[in-house]
Protein backbone atom coordinates (compact mmCIF):
# COMPACT_ATOMS: atom_id res chain seq x y z
CA MET A 1 120.32 90.42 80.31
CA ASP A 2 119.80 86.66 80.00
CA ASP A 3 118.11 84.52 82.66
CA VAL A 4 121.36 83.05 83.99
CA ALA A 5 122.92 86.47 84.60
CA LEU A 6 119.67 87.79 86.06
CA ALA A 7 119.40 84.84 88.46
CA ARG A 8 122.99 85.39 89.60
CA LEU A 9 122.32 89.08 90.27
CA VAL A 10 119.04 88.43 92.11
CA ARG A 11 120.75 85.72 94.24
CA GLU A 12 123.48 88.17 95.24
CA VAL A 13 121.01 90.89 96.22
CA ILE A 14 118.79 88.52 98.20
CA ALA A 15 121.70 86.79 99.97
CA GLU A 16 122.98 90.19 101.06
CA ARG A 17 119.61 91.24 102.54
CA CYS A 18 118.00 87.96 103.59
CA GLY A 19 120.67 85.27 103.78
CA PRO A 20 121.44 82.21 101.68
CA GLU A 21 118.19 80.32 102.48
CA VAL A 22 116.33 81.68 99.45
CA GLN A 23 116.65 79.80 96.16
CA VAL A 24 116.20 81.75 92.92
CA ARG A 25 115.05 80.54 89.51
CA VAL A 26 114.46 82.75 86.49
CA ASP A 27 112.45 81.95 83.38
CA ARG A 28 112.13 84.69 80.74
CA GLY A 29 112.46 87.45 83.32
CA THR A 30 110.07 85.91 85.85
CA VAL A 31 111.81 85.26 89.16
CA VAL A 32 110.60 82.41 91.38
CA LEU A 33 111.77 82.48 94.99
CA ARG A 34 111.64 79.39 97.23
CA GLY A 35 113.02 78.42 100.59
CA GLN A 36 112.41 79.15 104.25
CA VAL A 37 113.52 82.10 106.34
CA PRO A 38 113.11 82.62 110.10
CA GLU A 39 110.84 85.70 109.92
CA TRP A 40 107.98 86.96 107.76
CA SER A 41 109.79 90.28 107.30
CA LEU A 42 112.51 88.39 105.40
CA VAL A 43 109.90 86.85 103.07
CA VAL A 44 108.73 90.37 102.23
CA ALA A 45 112.31 91.67 101.96
CA ALA A 46 113.23 88.88 99.53
CA GLY A 47 110.30 89.73 97.26
CA HIS A 48 111.08 93.43 97.33
CA ALA A 49 114.77 92.82 96.72
CA ALA A 50 114.06 90.64 93.69
CA ALA A 51 111.53 93.11 92.28
CA GLY A 52 114.08 95.91 92.58
CA VAL A 53 116.62 94.25 90.29
CA ARG A 54 116.68 95.72 86.80
CA GLY A 55 115.45 93.21 84.23
CA VAL A 56 113.00 91.42 86.54
CA GLY A 57 109.54 91.35 84.98
CA GLU A 58 107.61 89.48 87.66
CA VAL A 59 108.31 87.91 91.06
CA VAL A 60 106.62 84.76 92.36
CA ASN A 61 107.47 84.64 96.05
CA LEU A 62 107.04 81.11 97.45
CA VAL A 63 109.36 81.67 100.42
CA LEU A 64 107.99 80.40 103.74
CA SER A 65 108.48 81.43 107.34
CA PRO A 66 107.31 79.83 110.59
CA ASP A 67 105.42 82.97 111.64
CA ALA A 68 103.46 83.30 108.36
CA VAL A 69 99.68 83.04 108.51
CA PRO A 70 98.34 80.52 105.98
CA VAL A 71 95.90 81.89 103.42
CA GLN A 72 92.96 79.77 102.32
CA ALA A 73 91.44 79.87 98.86
CA PRO A 74 87.93 81.34 98.74
CA SER A 75 85.02 78.93 98.88
CA PRO A 76 82.88 78.47 95.77
CA VAL A 77 79.44 80.09 95.91
CA PRO A 78 76.76 77.42 95.42
CA GLY A 79 74.87 77.75 92.16
CA ILE A 80 77.30 80.14 90.48
CA ALA A 81 79.71 78.25 88.24
CA GLY A 82 83.15 79.77 88.07
CA ARG A 83 82.37 82.49 90.62
CA TYR A 84 83.91 82.73 94.08
CA ASP A 85 82.82 84.45 97.26
CA VAL A 86 85.61 86.84 98.18
């Protein structure tokens, strides 16, 4: 399936489960989701819905929700180049 057809199918599945707020882009089988939904559970549902579509290789879920907890990148460990404290 080509990217255009895959994007159309993923959009349909996500709109059915999560609403029309989620935008879908596909590049060589990788699906990128963007937009904002009212609840964190819909962020998760959008990612799962996209991943469940046949032909999807990877999902990058950039959908936001007001009740999401921001995640900070780990701080570098002093004296260790390229290593991070996790």
